[in-house]
Amino acid sequence: MLEENFPRNIVLVGFMGCGKSTVGRSLAARLGNSWRYVDSDVRLAEVAGCDIPTLFKNEGEDNFRRRETQILTGLCAGERLVIATGGGAVLRDENIPVLRSAGLVVWLTARADVVVARTERREADRPLLANRGDKDLLTHILTLLGERGPRYQQAAHLIVDTSDRTPDNIAAEIERKARQWQK
């Protein structure tokens, strides 16, 4: 039985490099044994039988997003999950009500310079960064953040900045706010 007024699930949305996976694992651990952490991109890769960059390359973004919606719909029907979504999960209109109905949606943000520092080491693993043409990384990230920001805002019940903070500190804030959450 869930605590009264506590969210059924906690869904983390936000741009790549904002800490969804790291914070998600920390948050699930804080919430106790009855809570599980799940990464929608990892689940999608398991179902597809290949990694995300390969899936993106072989099937294109539209088919990738369609598969992502199927995975998110299944996960959001669960309970006691901390769900880290892919950075583009909010791009399909149908995903936003699915995410919001699942529980508390937290938009993790970070300054653009922090996102660059966190993502540049694994740029090849991130199709939207690897395929940026001749744009420098910061300019490309700022463009994508500008496009996606309104979508994250639309999905989120709560916004938490992860810049210059530890995952445990962020997870503690989310847990505290989840305990005060009213549907």
C-alpha atoms as a PDB file:
ATOM      1  CA  MET A   1       0.000   0.000   0.000  1.00  0.00           C
ATOM      2  CA  LEU A   2       1.359   3.405  -0.960  1.00  0.00           C
ATOM      3  CA  GLU A   3       1.465   6.181   1.584  1.00  0.00           C
ATOM      4  CA  GLU A   4      -1.526   8.481   1.308  1.00  0.00           C
ATOM      5  CA  ASN A   5      -0.810  11.324  -1.127  1.00  0.00           C
ATOM      6  CA  PHE A   6       2.524   9.765  -2.133  1.00  0.00           C
ATOM      7  CA  PRO A   7       2.922   9.385  -5.893  1.00  0.00           C
ATOM      8  CA  ARG A   8       2.325   5.958  -7.426  1.00  0.00           C
ATOM      9  CA  ASN A   9       5.542   6.431  -9.441  1.00  0.00           C
ATOM     10  CA  ILE A  10       8.158   9.138  -9.847  1.00  0.00           C
ATOM     11  CA  VAL A  11       9.042   9.931 -13.453  1.00  0.00           C
ATOM     12  CA  LEU A  12      12.225  11.827 -14.276  1.00  0.00           C
ATOM     13  CA  VAL A  13      12.272  13.836 -17.505  1.00  0.00           C
ATOM     14  CA  GLY A  14      14.879  16.205 -18.851  1.00  0.00           C
ATOM     15  CA  PHE A  15      17.667  16.690 -21.310  1.00  0.00           C
ATOM     16  CA  MET A  16      20.554  14.251 -21.638  1.00  0.00           C
ATOM     17  CA  GLY A  17      23.224  14.838 -19.046  1.00  0.00           C
ATOM     18  CA  CYS A  18      20.870  16.289 -16.434  1.00  0.00           C
ATOM     19  CA  GLY A  19      21.197  13.246 -14.179  1.00  0.00           C
ATOM     20  CA  LYS A  20      18.026  11.230 -14.758  1.00  0.00           C
ATOM     21  CA  SER A  21      19.754   7.840 -14.516  1.00  0.00           C
ATOM     22  CA  THR A  22      22.109   8.685 -11.665  1.00  0.00           C
ATOM     23  CA  VAL A  23      19.496  10.527  -9.609  1.00  0.00           C
ATOM     24  CA  GLY A  24      16.911   7.845 -10.410  1.00  0.00           C
ATOM     25  CA  ARG A  25      19.058   5.073  -8.948  1.00  0.00           C
ATOM     26  CA  SER A  26      19.774   7.153  -5.846  1.00  0.00           C
ATOM     27  CA  LEU A  27      16.109   8.049  -5.393  1.00  0.00           C
ATOM     28  CA  ALA A  28      14.905   4.453  -5.708  1.00  0.00           C
ATOM     29  CA  ALA A  29      17.466   3.397  -3.091  1.00  0.00           C
ATOM     30  CA  ARG A  30      16.261   6.155  -0.729  1.00  0.00           C
ATOM     31  CA  LEU A  31      12.620   5.110  -1.138  1.00  0.00           C
ATOM     32  CA  GLY A  32      13.336   1.553   0.006  1.00  0.00           C
ATOM     33  CA  ASN A  33      13.099  -2.045  -1.101  1.00  0.00           C
ATOM     34  CA  SER A  34       9.567  -1.814  -2.412  1.00  0.00           C
ATOM     35  CA  TRP A  35      10.674   0.749  -5.045  1.00  0.00           C
ATOM     36  CA  ARG A  36      12.512  -0.117  -8.263  1.00  0.00           C
ATOM     37  CA  TYR A  37      14.537   2.037 -10.619  1.00  0.00           C
ATOM     38  CA  VAL A  38      13.984   1.547 -14.349  1.00  0.00           C
ATOM     39  CA  ASP A  39      15.523   3.372 -17.299  1.00  0.00           C
ATOM     40  CA  SER A  40      13.166   3.526 -20.285  1.00  0.00           C
ATOM     41  CA  ASP A  41      16.088   3.620 -22.753  1.00  0.00           C
ATOM     42  CA  VAL A  42      17.613   0.480 -21.220  1.00  0.00           C
ATOM     43  CA  ARG A  43      14.238  -1.264 -21.362  1.00  0.00           C
ATOM     44  CA  LEU A  44      13.792  -0.169 -24.990  1.00  0.00           C
ATOM     45  CA  ALA A  45      17.242  -1.490 -25.924  1.00  0.00           C
ATOM     46  CA  GLU A  46      16.462  -4.826 -24.244  1.00  0.00           C
ATOM     47  CA  VAL A  47      13.191  -5.180 -26.167  1.00  0.00           C
ATOM     48  CA  ALA A  48      14.772  -4.080 -29.468  1.00  0.00           C
ATOM     49  CA  GLY A  49      17.793  -6.333 -29.015  1.00  0.00           C
ATOM     50  CA  CYS A  50      20.300  -3.576 -29.784  1.00  0.00           C
ATOM     51  CA  ASP A  51      21.656  -0.381 -28.266  1.00  0.00           C
ATOM     52  CA  ILE A  52      19.930   2.982 -28.678  1.00  0.00           C
ATOM     53  CA  PRO A  53      22.370   4.469 -31.245  1.00  0.00           C
ATOM     54  CA  THR A  54      21.954   1.360 -33.438  1.00  0.00           C
ATOM     55  CA  LEU A  55      18.180   1.401 -33.083  1.00  0.00           C
ATOM     56  CA  PHE A  56      18.080   5.119 -33.909  1.00  0.00           C
ATOM     57  CA  LYS A  57      20.313   4.603 -36.947  1.00  0.00           C
ATOM     58  CA  ASN A  58      18.544   1.499 -38.288  1.00  0.00           C
ATOM     59  CA  GLU A  59      14.923   2.524 -37.673  1.00  0.00           C
ATOM     60  CA  GLY A  60      15.037   6.314 -37.752  1.00  0.00           C
ATOM     61  CA  GLU A  61      13.749   8.726 -35.140  1.00  0.00           C
ATOM     62  CA  ASP A  62      10.038   8.227 -35.900  1.00  0.00           C
ATOM     63  CA  ASN A  63      10.148   4.455 -35.328  1.00  0.00           C
ATOM     64  CA  PHE A  64      12.397   4.935 -32.312  1.00  0.00           C
ATOM     65  CA  ARG A  65       9.867   7.361 -30.782  1.00  0.00           C
ATOM     66  CA  ARG A  66       6.983   4.977 -31.530  1.00  0.00           C
ATOM     67  CA  ARG A  67       8.784   2.165 -29.685  1.00  0.00           C
ATOM     68  CA  GLU A  68       9.648   4.567 -26.870  1.00  0.00           C
ATOM     69  CA  THR A  69       5.946   5.399 -26.439  1.00  0.00           C
ATOM     70  CA  GLN A  70       5.093   1.693 -26.130  1.00  0.00           C
ATOM     71  CA  ILE A  71       7.766   1.206 -23.458  1.00  0.00           C
ATOM     72  CA  LEU A  72       6.700   4.327 -21.523  1.00  0.00           C
ATOM     73  CA  THR A  73       3.031   3.308 -21.592  1.00  0.00           C
ATOM     74  CA  GLY A  74       3.912  -0.064 -20.086  1.00  0.00           C
ATOM     75  CA  LEU A  75       6.203   1.361 -17.421  1.00  0.00           C
ATOM     76  CA  CYS A  76       3.778   4.113 -16.440  1.00  0.00           C
ATOM     77  CA  ALA A  77       1.102   1.515 -15.723  1.00  0.00           C
ATOM     78  CA  GLY A  78       3.328   0.131 -12.963  1.00  0.00           C
ATOM     79  CA  GLU A  79       3.628   1.124  -9.339  1.00  0.00           C
ATOM     80  CA  ARG A  80       6.519   2.068  -7.060  1.00  0.00           C
ATOM     81  CA  LEU A  81       8.815   2.809  -9.960  1.00  0.00           C
ATOM     82  CA  VAL A  82      11.358   5.559 -10.372  1.00  0.00           C
ATOM     83  CA  ILE A  83      11.373   5.901 -14.148  1.00  0.00           C
ATOM     84  CA  ALA A  84      14.217   7.667 -15.941  1.00  0.00           C
ATOM     85  CA  THR A  85      12.971   8.588 -19.397  1.00  0.00           C
ATOM     86  CA  GLY A  86      14.982   9.275 -22.514  1.00  0.00           C
ATOM     87  CA  GLY A  87      15.677  12.951 -23.152  1.00  0.00           C
ATOM     88  CA  GLY A  88      13.187  13.081 -26.029  1.00  0.00           C
ATOM     89  CA  ALA A  89      10.340  11.225 -24.334  1.00  0.00           C
ATOM     90  CA  VAL A  90       8.290  14.421 -24.138  1.00  0.00           C
ATOM     91  CA  LEU A  91       8.460  15.070 -27.888  1.00  0.00           C
ATOM     92  CA  ARG A  92       5.417  12.950 -28.742  1.00  0.00           C
ATOM     93  CA  ASP A  93       2.178  14.594 -27.651  1.00  0.00           C
ATOM     94  CA  GLU A  94       0.658  11.320 -26.451  1.00  0.00           C
ATOM     95  CA  ASN A  95       3.503  10.719 -23.987  1.00  0.00           C
ATOM     96  CA  ILE A  96       2.853  13.764 -21.812  1.00  0.00           C
ATOM     97  CA  PRO A  97      -0.533  12.673 -20.389  1.00  0.00           C
ATOM     98  CA  VAL A  98       0.814   9.126 -19.967  1.00  0.00           C
ATOM     99  CA  LEU A  99       3.761  10.426 -17.935  1.00  0.00           C
ATOM    100  CA  ARG A 100       1.641  12.828 -15.868  1.00  0.00           C
ATOM    101  CA  SER A 101      -0.927  10.148 -15.033  1.00  0.00           C
ATOM    102  CA  ALA A 102       1.802   7.788 -13.811  1.00  0.00           C
ATOM    103  CA  GLY A 103       2.647   9.890 -10.757  1.00  0.00           C
ATOM    104  CA  LEU A 104       4.950  12.783  -9.963  1.00  0.00           C
ATOM    105  CA  VAL A 105       6.866  14.026 -13.018  1.00  0.00           C
ATOM    106  CA  VAL A 106      10.127  15.775 -12.142  1.00  0.00           C
ATOM    107  CA  TRP A 107      11.973  17.814 -14.753  1.00  0.00           C
ATOM    108  CA  LEU A 108      15.684  17.655 -14.012  1.00  0.00           C
ATOM    109  CA  THR A 109      17.494  20.660 -15.454  1.00  0.00           C
ATOM    110  CA  ALA A 110      21.114  21.782 -15.599  1.00  0.00           C
ATOM    111  CA  ARG A 111      22.973  24.765 -16.997  1.00  0.00           C
ATOM    112  CA  ALA A 112      24.125  24.289 -20.595  1.00  0.00           C
ATOM    113  CA  ASP A 113      27.817  24.300 -19.608  1.00  0.00           C
ATOM    114  CA  VAL A 114      27.124  21.502 -17.133  1.00  0.00           C
ATOM    115  CA  VAL A 115      25.284  19.487 -19.808  1.00  0.00           C
ATOM    116  CA  VAL A 116      28.258  19.905 -22.166  1.00  0.00           C
ATOM    117  CA  ALA A 117      30.695  18.718 -19.493  1.00  0.00           C
ATOM    118  CA  ARG A 118      28.521  15.712 -18.659  1.00  0.00           C
ATOM    119  CA  THR A 119      27.823  14.640 -22.263  1.00  0.00           C
ATOM    120  CA  GLU A 120      30.948  15.367 -24.286  1.00  0.00           C
ATOM    121  CA  ARG A 121      32.764  12.233 -23.090  1.00  0.00           C
ATOM    122  CA  ARG A 122      30.024   9.941 -24.444  1.00  0.00           C
ATOM    123  CA  GLU A 123      28.970  11.984 -27.438  1.00  0.00           C
ATOM    124  CA  ALA A 124      29.108   8.978 -29.817  1.00  0.00           C
ATOM    125  CA  ASP A 125      26.505   7.163 -27.656  1.00  0.00           C
ATOM    126  CA  ARG A 126      24.046  10.026 -28.063  1.00  0.00           C
ATOM    127  CA  PRO A 127      22.625  10.139 -31.601  1.00  0.00           C
ATOM    128  CA  LEU A 128      21.345  13.705 -31.388  1.00  0.00           C
ATOM    129  CA  LEU A 129      24.786  14.953 -30.372  1.00  0.00           C
ATOM    130  CA  ALA A 130      26.820  12.789 -32.724  1.00  0.00           C
ATOM    131  CA  ASN A 131      24.786  13.939 -35.739  1.00  0.00           C
ATOM    132  CA  ARG A 132      25.027  17.707 -35.182  1.00  0.00           C
ATOM    133  CA  GLY A 133      26.949  18.556 -38.349  1.00  0.00           C
ATOM    134  CA  ASP A 134      29.419  21.401 -37.993  1.00  0.00           C
ATOM    135  CA  LYS A 135      27.735  23.028 -34.970  1.00  0.00           C
ATOM    136  CA  ASP A 136      29.837  23.182 -31.835  1.00  0.00           C
ATOM    137  CA  LEU A 137      28.474  21.122 -28.956  1.00  0.00           C
ATOM    138  CA  LEU A 138      27.354  24.047 -26.775  1.00  0.00           C
ATOM    139  CA  THR A 139      25.436  25.731 -29.611  1.00  0.00           C
ATOM    140  CA  HIS A 140      23.763  22.449 -30.540  1.00  0.00           C
ATOM    141  CA  ILE A 141      22.773  21.743 -26.927  1.00  0.00           C
ATOM    142  CA  LEU A 142      21.378  25.266 -26.496  1.00  0.00           C
ATOM    143  CA  THR A 143      19.282  24.801 -29.646  1.00  0.00           C
ATOM    144  CA  LEU A 144      17.899  21.466 -28.455  1.00  0.00           C
ATOM    145  CA  LEU A 145      17.228  22.810 -24.957  1.00  0.00           C
ATOM    146  CA  GLY A 146      15.327  25.730 -26.461  1.00  0.00           C
ATOM    147  CA  GLU A 147      13.183  23.375 -28.533  1.00  0.00           C
ATOM    148  CA  ARG A 148      12.512  20.889 -25.738  1.00  0.00           C
ATOM    149  CA  GLY A 149      12.156  23.206 -22.760  1.00  0.00           C
ATOM    150  CA  PRO A 150       8.455  23.965 -23.310  1.00  0.00           C
ATOM    151  CA  ARG A 151       7.729  20.235 -23.628  1.00  0.00           C
ATOM    152  CA  TYR A 152       9.515  19.431 -20.362  1.00  0.00           C
ATOM    153  CA  GLN A 153       7.618  22.284 -18.705  1.00  0.00           C
ATOM    154  CA  GLN A 154       4.311  20.901 -19.984  1.00  0.00           C
ATOM    155  CA  ALA A 155       5.054  17.436 -18.602  1.00  0.00           C
ATOM    156  CA  ALA A 156       6.486  18.410 -15.217  1.00  0.00           C
ATOM    157  CA  HIS A 157       4.824  18.770 -11.837  1.00  0.00           C
ATOM    158  CA  LEU A 158       8.164  19.792 -10.296  1.00  0.00           C
ATOM    159  CA  ILE A 159      11.445  21.279 -11.597  1.00  0.00           C
ATOM    160  CA  VAL A 160      14.786  20.518  -9.935  1.00  0.00           C
ATOM    161  CA  ASP A 161      18.128  21.988 -11.054  1.00  0.00           C
ATOM    162  CA  THR A 162      20.939  19.424 -10.858  1.00  0.00           C
ATOM    163  CA  SER A 163      23.841  21.796 -11.588  1.00  0.00           C
ATOM    164  CA  ASP A 164      26.617  21.677  -8.992  1.00  0.00           C
ATOM    165  CA  ARG A 165      24.738  19.214  -6.746  1.00  0.00           C
ATOM    166  CA  THR A 166      25.280  15.609  -5.753  1.00  0.00           C
ATOM    167  CA  PRO A 167      22.832  12.916  -6.871  1.00  0.00           C
ATOM    168  CA  ASP A 168      22.044  12.092  -3.229  1.00  0.00           C
ATOM    169  CA  ASN A 169      21.243  15.733  -2.462  1.00  0.00           C
ATOM    170  CA  ILE A 170      18.921  15.915  -5.481  1.00  0.00           C
ATOM    171  CA  ALA A 171      17.264  12.599  -4.598  1.00  0.00           C
ATOM    172  CA  ALA A 172      16.677  13.816  -1.031  1.00  0.00           C
ATOM    173  CA  GLU A 173      14.965  16.958  -2.363  1.00  0.00           C
ATOM    174  CA  ILE A 174      12.737  14.947  -4.693  1.00  0.00           C
ATOM    175  CA  GLU A 175      11.798  12.519  -1.900  1.00  0.00           C
ATOM    176  CA  ARG A 176      10.953  15.416   0.428  1.00  0.00           C
ATOM    177  CA  LYS A 177       8.785  17.098  -2.203  1.00  0.00           C
ATOM    178  CA  ALA A 178       7.128  13.802  -3.165  1.00  0.00           C
ATOM    179  CA  ARG A 179       6.024  13.368   0.451  1.00  0.00           C
ATOM    180  CA  GLN A 180       4.286  16.766   0.226  1.00  0.00           C
ATOM    181  CA  TRP A 181       2.809  16.083  -3.221  1.00  0.00           C
ATOM    182  CA  GLN A 182      -0.903  16.367  -3.822  1.00  0.00           C
ATOM    183  CA  LYS A 183      -2.357  14.874  -6.985  1.00  0.00           C
END
